N, C-alpha and C. Protein backbone atom coordinates (compact mmCIF):
# COMPACT_ATOMS: atom_id res chain seq x y z
N MET A 1 15.87 14.01 7.02
CA MET A 1 16.23 12.68 7.06
C MET A 1 17.88 12.90 6.60
N LYS A 2 18.96 12.42 7.91
CA LYS A 2 20.36 12.12 7.32
C LYS A 2 20.63 10.81 6.97
N PRO A 3 21.45 10.83 6.13
CA PRO A 3 21.86 9.22 5.59
C PRO A 3 22.43 8.52 6.21
N GLY A 4 22.35 7.49 6.63
CA GLY A 4 22.85 6.60 7.52
C GLY A 4 23.14 6.77 8.85
N VAL A 5 21.99 7.63 9.43
CA VAL A 5 21.51 8.20 10.90
C VAL A 5 20.59 7.10 11.22
N ILE A 6 20.34 6.60 12.41
CA ILE A 6 18.88 6.12 12.98
C ILE A 6 18.70 7.46 13.86
N ARG A 7 17.37 7.73 13.35
CA ARG A 7 16.63 8.56 14.28
C ARG A 7 15.44 8.15 15.02
N PRO A 8 15.58 8.75 16.31
CA PRO A 8 14.94 8.28 17.58
C PRO A 8 13.71 9.43 17.37
N ILE A 9 11.99 9.32 17.15
CA ILE A 9 11.24 9.88 17.55
C ILE A 9 9.95 9.74 18.56
N ALA A 10 9.45 10.26 18.74
CA ALA A 10 7.84 9.88 19.63
C ALA A 10 6.74 10.33 18.87
N ILE A 11 5.71 9.66 18.79
CA ILE A 11 4.71 10.11 18.19
C ILE A 11 3.14 9.78 19.15
N CYS A 12 2.34 10.35 19.09
CA CYS A 12 0.99 10.08 19.87
C CYS A 12 -0.32 9.76 18.92
N VAL A 13 -0.65 8.53 19.61
CA VAL A 13 -2.15 8.35 18.69
C VAL A 13 -3.20 9.24 19.63
N PHE A 14 -3.66 9.97 18.62
CA PHE A 14 -5.11 10.74 19.37
C PHE A 14 -6.14 9.90 18.87
N ARG A 15 -7.11 9.18 19.31
CA ARG A 15 -8.42 8.31 18.71
C ARG A 15 -9.81 9.25 19.08
N HIS A 16 -10.46 8.78 18.30
CA HIS A 16 -12.01 9.50 18.02
C HIS A 16 -12.71 8.77 17.64
N ASP A 17 -13.92 7.98 17.68
CA ASP A 17 -14.66 7.36 16.63
C ASP A 17 -14.12 6.41 16.08
N GLY A 18 -13.29 5.58 16.43
CA GLY A 18 -12.78 4.74 15.16
C GLY A 18 -11.78 5.41 14.33
N ARG A 19 -11.35 6.10 14.65
CA ARG A 19 -10.52 7.36 13.61
C ARG A 19 -8.80 8.00 14.61
N ILE A 20 -7.74 8.02 14.14
CA ILE A 20 -6.61 8.33 14.50
C ILE A 20 -5.95 9.70 13.96
N LEU A 21 -5.51 10.67 14.60
CA LEU A 21 -5.20 11.85 13.58
C LEU A 21 -3.74 11.50 13.32
N ALA A 22 -3.86 12.14 12.20
CA ALA A 22 -2.27 11.55 11.45
C ALA A 22 -2.04 12.60 10.40
N ALA A 23 -1.03 13.03 10.41
CA ALA A 23 -0.18 14.01 9.43
C ALA A 23 -0.75 13.65 7.88
N GLU A 24 -1.01 13.98 6.90
CA GLU A 24 -1.33 13.36 5.77
C GLU A 24 0.30 14.05 4.70
N GLY A 25 0.90 12.85 4.51
CA GLY A 25 2.11 12.87 3.38
C GLY A 25 1.87 12.51 2.24
N TYR A 26 3.05 12.99 1.26
CA TYR A 26 2.79 12.33 0.00
C TYR A 26 4.36 12.17 -0.51
N ASP A 27 4.38 11.07 -0.85
CA ASP A 27 5.70 10.34 -1.33
C ASP A 27 5.87 10.71 -2.76
N PRO A 28 6.44 12.01 -3.72
CA PRO A 28 6.37 11.87 -5.21
C PRO A 28 6.77 10.86 -5.85
N LEU A 29 7.88 10.08 -5.82
CA LEU A 29 8.65 9.03 -6.24
C LEU A 29 7.62 8.19 -6.35
N LYS A 30 7.10 7.44 -5.08
CA LYS A 30 6.10 6.63 -5.09
C LYS A 30 4.50 7.12 -5.44
N ALA A 31 4.10 8.46 -5.93
CA ALA A 31 2.99 8.88 -6.08
C ALA A 31 1.59 8.42 -5.10
N GLN A 32 2.34 8.44 -3.49
CA GLN A 32 1.61 7.70 -2.81
C GLN A 32 1.25 8.55 -1.67
N VAL A 33 -0.02 8.75 -1.11
CA VAL A 33 -0.19 9.23 0.23
C VAL A 33 -0.10 8.74 1.19
N PHE A 34 0.16 8.92 2.25
CA PHE A 34 0.25 8.36 3.16
C PHE A 34 -0.01 9.02 4.72
N TYR A 35 -0.01 8.54 6.05
CA TYR A 35 -0.64 9.10 7.04
C TYR A 35 0.56 8.74 8.13
N ARG A 36 0.51 9.40 8.99
CA ARG A 36 1.69 9.31 10.01
C ARG A 36 1.24 9.97 11.66
N PRO A 37 1.09 9.24 12.76
CA PRO A 37 0.67 10.39 13.82
C PRO A 37 1.51 11.39 14.14
N LEU A 38 1.32 12.21 14.65
CA LEU A 38 1.86 13.34 15.02
C LEU A 38 2.67 13.25 16.04
N GLY A 39 4.07 13.83 15.98
CA GLY A 39 5.11 13.77 16.70
C GLY A 39 6.40 14.13 16.19
N GLY A 40 7.41 13.80 16.77
CA GLY A 40 8.72 14.46 16.05
C GLY A 40 9.92 13.45 16.82
N ALA A 41 11.25 14.37 16.30
CA ALA A 41 12.29 14.10 17.02
C ALA A 41 12.58 13.95 18.22
N ILE A 42 13.19 13.17 19.11
CA ILE A 42 13.57 13.29 20.44
C ILE A 42 14.91 14.28 20.49
N GLU A 43 14.67 15.07 21.07
CA GLU A 43 16.11 15.88 21.38
C GLU A 43 16.96 15.49 22.88
N PHE A 44 18.16 15.61 22.30
CA PHE A 44 19.16 14.80 23.19
C PHE A 44 19.02 15.62 24.62
N GLY A 45 18.91 14.44 25.40
CA GLY A 45 18.37 14.80 26.82
C GLY A 45 17.02 14.98 27.20
N GLU A 46 16.06 14.55 26.48
CA GLU A 46 14.94 14.74 26.52
C GLU A 46 13.98 13.37 26.52
N TYR A 47 13.24 13.38 27.50
CA TYR A 47 12.34 11.75 27.56
C TYR A 47 11.32 12.08 26.06
N SER A 48 10.90 10.81 25.97
CA SER A 48 9.96 10.68 24.77
C SER A 48 8.79 11.16 25.03
N VAL A 49 8.24 11.08 26.16
CA VAL A 49 6.94 11.86 26.61
C VAL A 49 6.81 13.23 26.33
N THR A 50 8.26 13.83 26.61
CA THR A 50 8.27 15.12 26.82
C THR A 50 7.87 15.81 25.51
N THR A 51 9.10 14.61 24.64
CA THR A 51 9.11 15.30 22.82
C THR A 51 7.29 15.20 22.54
N ILE A 52 6.31 14.73 22.88
CA ILE A 52 5.28 14.61 22.51
C ILE A 52 4.57 15.82 22.97
N GLU A 53 5.05 16.26 24.04
CA GLU A 53 4.24 17.53 24.89
C GLU A 53 4.71 19.00 23.94
N ARG A 54 6.21 18.79 23.61
CA ARG A 54 6.71 19.81 22.96
C ARG A 54 6.26 19.91 21.28
N GLU A 55 6.15 18.98 21.04
CA GLU A 55 6.12 18.71 19.24
C GLU A 55 4.56 19.17 19.35
N LEU A 56 3.57 18.85 20.08
CA LEU A 56 2.03 18.83 19.83
C LEU A 56 1.87 20.88 20.30
N ALA A 57 2.89 21.34 21.03
CA ALA A 57 2.67 22.69 21.40
C ALA A 57 3.40 23.07 20.19
N GLU A 58 4.37 23.01 19.86
CA GLU A 58 4.96 23.56 18.55
C GLU A 58 4.26 23.79 17.54
N GLU A 59 3.62 22.45 17.16
CA GLU A 59 3.12 22.27 15.82
C GLU A 59 1.56 22.58 15.50
N LEU A 60 0.97 22.35 16.82
CA LEU A 60 -0.47 22.92 16.62
C LEU A 60 -1.14 23.66 17.66
N GLY A 61 0.07 24.13 18.74
CA GLY A 61 -0.04 25.29 20.07
C GLY A 61 -1.14 24.16 20.83
N ALA A 62 -1.41 22.86 20.70
CA ALA A 62 -2.15 21.89 21.81
C ALA A 62 -1.55 21.58 22.98
N ALA A 63 -2.17 21.40 24.00
CA ALA A 63 -1.48 20.47 25.05
C ALA A 63 -2.39 19.32 24.94
N VAL A 64 -1.48 18.36 25.75
CA VAL A 64 -1.65 17.06 25.41
C VAL A 64 -2.06 16.35 27.36
N THR A 65 -2.87 15.59 27.41
CA THR A 65 -3.16 14.88 28.70
C THR A 65 -3.04 13.49 28.29
N ASP A 66 -2.98 12.84 29.41
CA ASP A 66 -3.33 11.50 29.50
C ASP A 66 -2.64 10.46 28.67
N LEU A 67 -1.12 10.96 28.65
CA LEU A 67 -0.42 10.12 27.87
C LEU A 67 0.01 8.97 28.57
N HIS A 68 0.04 7.74 27.55
CA HIS A 68 0.22 6.27 27.88
C HIS A 68 1.28 5.43 26.74
N TYR A 69 2.19 5.13 27.27
CA TYR A 69 3.37 4.59 26.44
C TYR A 69 2.68 3.05 25.98
N LEU A 70 2.76 3.20 24.67
CA LEU A 70 2.18 1.66 23.66
C LEU A 70 3.08 0.94 23.37
N GLY A 71 4.74 1.14 23.17
CA GLY A 71 5.36 0.52 22.60
C GLY A 71 6.54 1.27 21.46
N ALA A 72 7.24 0.48 21.16
CA ALA A 72 8.43 1.05 20.24
C ALA A 72 8.01 0.02 19.46
N LEU A 73 8.63 1.18 18.01
CA LEU A 73 8.59 0.07 16.50
C LEU A 73 9.95 0.63 16.05
N GLU A 74 10.62 -0.39 15.25
CA GLU A 74 11.72 -0.05 14.33
C GLU A 74 11.11 0.07 13.18
N ASN A 75 11.31 1.42 12.40
CA ASN A 75 11.13 1.65 11.17
C ASN A 75 12.26 1.96 10.11
N VAL A 76 11.96 0.79 8.97
CA VAL A 76 13.32 1.34 8.05
C VAL A 76 12.32 1.44 7.18
N PHE A 77 12.46 2.66 6.05
CA PHE A 77 11.76 3.05 4.79
C PHE A 77 12.25 3.53 3.73
N THR A 78 11.61 3.91 3.18
CA THR A 78 12.17 4.63 1.82
C THR A 78 11.07 5.76 1.29
N TYR A 79 11.57 6.99 1.17
CA TYR A 79 10.89 8.21 0.97
C TYR A 79 11.26 8.74 0.30
N ASP A 80 11.08 9.68 -1.11
CA ASP A 80 11.73 9.86 -2.10
C ASP A 80 12.55 9.59 -2.21
N GLY A 81 12.89 8.30 -2.57
CA GLY A 81 14.23 7.44 -3.02
C GLY A 81 15.40 7.48 -2.07
N GLN A 82 15.31 8.26 -0.76
CA GLN A 82 16.02 7.65 -0.08
C GLN A 82 15.69 6.83 1.19
N THR A 83 16.73 6.17 1.74
CA THR A 83 16.49 5.00 2.69
C THR A 83 16.43 6.25 4.48
N GLY A 84 15.30 5.52 4.96
CA GLY A 84 15.35 6.26 6.31
C GLY A 84 14.97 5.24 7.63
N HIS A 85 16.02 5.34 8.76
CA HIS A 85 15.63 4.21 9.72
C HIS A 85 15.06 5.28 10.81
N GLU A 86 14.24 4.75 12.01
CA GLU A 86 13.76 5.56 12.78
C GLU A 86 13.50 4.16 14.06
N ILE A 87 13.60 4.86 15.21
CA ILE A 87 13.00 3.94 16.44
C ILE A 87 12.14 5.00 16.81
N VAL A 88 10.90 4.34 16.73
CA VAL A 88 9.66 5.30 17.31
C VAL A 88 9.15 4.84 18.88
N MET A 89 8.72 5.35 19.59
CA MET A 89 8.13 5.76 20.76
C MET A 89 6.90 5.83 20.81
N VAL A 90 6.12 5.07 21.09
CA VAL A 90 4.69 5.32 20.51
C VAL A 90 3.64 5.47 21.61
N TYR A 91 3.02 6.56 22.13
CA TYR A 91 2.22 6.95 22.77
C TYR A 91 0.58 6.96 22.40
N ASP A 92 -0.45 6.72 23.42
CA ASP A 92 -1.56 7.08 23.21
C ASP A 92 -1.88 8.32 24.32
N GLY A 93 -2.90 9.36 23.80
CA GLY A 93 -2.84 10.35 24.48
C GLY A 93 -4.38 11.20 24.02
N ALA A 94 -4.69 12.42 24.88
CA ALA A 94 -5.56 12.86 24.60
C ALA A 94 -5.52 14.37 24.45
N PHE A 95 -6.09 15.44 23.73
CA PHE A 95 -6.31 16.59 23.55
C PHE A 95 -6.22 17.17 24.81
N ALA A 96 -6.38 18.13 25.58
CA ALA A 96 -6.81 19.17 26.47
C ALA A 96 -8.11 19.99 26.14
N ASP A 97 -7.60 20.37 24.82
CA ASP A 97 -8.87 21.13 24.26
C ASP A 97 -9.80 20.13 23.42
N ARG A 98 -10.90 19.75 23.75
CA ARG A 98 -12.02 18.80 22.98
C ARG A 98 -12.04 19.48 21.87
N ALA A 99 -12.00 20.53 21.46
CA ALA A 99 -12.62 21.38 20.26
C ALA A 99 -11.69 20.88 19.00
N PHE A 100 -10.25 20.33 19.32
CA PHE A 100 -9.17 19.44 18.45
C PHE A 100 -10.32 18.36 17.60
N TYR A 101 -11.03 17.49 18.62
CA TYR A 101 -12.27 16.32 17.95
C TYR A 101 -12.92 16.77 17.37
N GLU A 102 -13.37 18.03 17.13
CA GLU A 102 -14.45 18.51 16.10
C GLU A 102 -14.17 18.97 15.13
N GLU A 103 -12.66 18.97 14.72
CA GLU A 103 -12.12 19.74 13.33
C GLU A 103 -12.02 18.15 12.31
N GLU A 104 -12.53 18.24 11.44
CA GLU A 104 -12.18 17.54 10.10
C GLU A 104 -10.64 17.51 9.95
N VAL A 105 -10.35 18.78 9.44
CA VAL A 105 -8.74 18.98 9.06
C VAL A 105 -8.16 20.04 10.52
N ILE A 106 -7.03 19.83 10.33
CA ILE A 106 -6.25 20.62 11.78
C ILE A 106 -4.99 21.07 10.79
N GLU A 107 -4.32 22.36 10.45
CA GLU A 107 -3.47 23.06 10.11
C GLU A 107 -2.49 23.24 11.08
N GLY A 108 -1.08 22.32 10.68
CA GLY A 108 -0.06 22.51 11.73
C GLY A 108 0.98 23.24 10.97
N MET A 109 2.14 23.30 11.52
CA MET A 109 2.91 24.02 11.18
C MET A 109 4.50 23.39 11.95
N GLU A 110 5.54 23.01 10.85
CA GLU A 110 6.44 22.31 11.36
C GLU A 110 7.64 23.37 11.71
N ASP A 111 8.72 22.64 12.68
CA ASP A 111 9.85 24.30 13.03
C ASP A 111 10.44 24.32 12.05
N SER A 112 10.40 23.82 10.57
CA SER A 112 11.19 24.03 9.60
C SER A 112 10.37 25.40 8.74
N GLY A 113 9.04 25.71 9.16
CA GLY A 113 8.03 26.39 8.76
C GLY A 113 7.25 25.88 7.57
N LEU A 114 7.32 24.70 7.34
CA LEU A 114 6.46 24.02 6.50
C LEU A 114 5.38 23.52 7.08
N SER A 115 4.01 23.88 6.42
CA SER A 115 2.69 23.64 6.93
C SER A 115 2.40 22.04 6.64
N PHE A 116 1.53 21.62 7.38
CA PHE A 116 1.05 20.31 7.13
C PHE A 116 -0.54 20.29 7.39
N ARG A 117 -1.08 18.90 7.04
CA ARG A 117 -2.16 19.12 7.45
C ARG A 117 -2.73 17.79 8.09
N ALA A 118 -3.65 17.54 9.22
CA ALA A 118 -3.66 16.43 9.83
C ALA A 118 -5.37 16.22 9.97
N VAL A 119 -5.52 14.86 9.65
CA VAL A 119 -6.43 14.60 9.29
C VAL A 119 -7.27 13.25 10.19
N TRP A 120 -8.56 13.04 10.53
CA TRP A 120 -8.92 11.73 11.35
C TRP A 120 -8.99 10.97 10.14
N VAL A 121 -8.12 9.81 10.39
CA VAL A 121 -7.90 8.65 9.56
C VAL A 121 -8.98 7.31 10.23
N SER A 122 -9.54 6.75 9.58
CA SER A 122 -10.71 5.25 10.07
C SER A 122 -9.59 4.46 10.04
N LEU A 123 -9.33 3.65 11.05
CA LEU A 123 -8.78 2.57 11.09
C LEU A 123 -9.24 1.41 10.25
N GLU A 124 -10.46 1.61 10.36
CA GLU A 124 -11.07 0.21 9.83
C GLU A 124 -10.81 0.24 8.40
N GLU A 125 -10.81 1.53 7.86
CA GLU A 125 -10.53 1.84 6.55
C GLU A 125 -9.12 1.39 5.99
N SER A 126 -8.22 1.92 6.92
CA SER A 126 -6.74 1.82 7.02
C SER A 126 -6.08 0.30 6.83
N ARG A 127 -7.09 -0.65 7.28
CA ARG A 127 -6.82 -1.85 7.49
C ARG A 127 -6.92 -2.31 6.03
N GLN A 128 -8.16 -1.86 5.08
CA GLN A 128 -8.14 -2.52 3.75
C GLN A 128 -7.16 -2.35 3.04
N PRO A 129 -7.16 -3.45 2.09
CA PRO A 129 -6.28 -3.72 0.82
C PRO A 129 -6.37 -2.52 -0.36
N GLY A 130 -5.29 -1.55 -0.37
CA GLY A 130 -5.05 -0.76 -1.30
C GLY A 130 -5.42 0.58 -0.72
N ALA A 131 -5.63 0.77 0.43
CA ALA A 131 -5.60 1.86 1.38
C ALA A 131 -4.33 2.42 1.56
N PRO A 132 -4.46 4.11 1.81
CA PRO A 132 -3.02 4.64 2.12
C PRO A 132 -2.59 4.06 2.92
N PRO A 133 -1.20 4.07 2.89
CA PRO A 133 -0.49 3.25 4.25
C PRO A 133 -0.62 4.21 5.48
N VAL A 134 -0.64 3.79 6.61
CA VAL A 134 -0.09 4.24 7.68
C VAL A 134 1.15 4.02 8.68
N TYR A 135 2.06 5.03 8.71
CA TYR A 135 3.05 4.44 9.19
C TYR A 135 3.36 5.34 10.81
N PRO A 136 4.37 4.65 11.45
CA PRO A 136 5.15 3.77 11.05
C PRO A 136 5.00 2.23 10.77
N THR A 137 5.49 1.52 10.04
CA THR A 137 5.13 0.20 9.92
C THR A 137 5.10 -0.54 11.09
N GLY A 138 4.01 -1.45 11.03
CA GLY A 138 3.58 -1.91 12.69
C GLY A 138 2.81 -1.13 13.74
N LEU A 139 2.51 -0.12 13.41
CA LEU A 139 1.68 0.75 14.32
C LEU A 139 0.23 0.30 14.35
N LEU A 140 -0.64 -0.31 13.13
CA LEU A 140 -1.73 -0.24 13.05
C LEU A 140 -1.85 -2.06 13.67
N GLU A 141 -0.78 -2.67 13.89
CA GLU A 141 -0.87 -4.00 14.66
C GLU A 141 -0.62 -4.01 16.09
N LEU A 142 -0.12 -2.49 16.45
CA LEU A 142 0.12 -2.31 17.49
C LEU A 142 -1.25 -1.52 18.62
N LEU A 143 -2.14 -1.38 17.20
CA LEU A 143 -3.49 -0.52 18.12
C LEU A 143 -4.34 -1.60 18.05
N PRO A 144 -5.07 -1.59 19.09
CA PRO A 144 -6.50 -2.60 18.98
C PRO A 144 -7.55 -2.35 17.70
N ALA A 145 -7.82 -2.92 17.52
CA ALA A 145 -8.92 -3.20 16.27
C ALA A 145 -9.93 -2.14 16.13
N GLN A 146 -10.56 -1.99 17.61
CA GLN A 146 -11.75 -1.08 17.76
C GLN A 146 -11.10 -0.01 18.88
N LEU A 147 -11.01 1.42 18.23
CA LEU A 147 -10.51 2.44 19.63
C LEU A 147 -11.65 2.97 19.61
């Protein structure tokens, strides 16, 4: 995160049995677990749909299919005490390799070399009070209640 800079990103919602695949994160200052669908920064000159294809190939070695644009969200947030601001292009998609849907935890690697865990998060449970948040803000409202 660069202070004072709005970051354009693209994320993809992969759905399976009422759950979505999301990277598990942790904010140390809030002592809070949170979830965010996979994706990343849109590079200059790159269309957001291409960002999804590139990011999933880089992070998981996965090919994606059936990409459909769902909408855009503006996300102003605080992480580790710093304010961030993102414009988020949201897509729905599928894995070309169906084996990803059978994994409870998928290990990924950011281009920075940091590893992350992606897990299947129940949408029903995520909508309950006190559940760890799913970001970006507004994503759950963008998705139908039953996937």
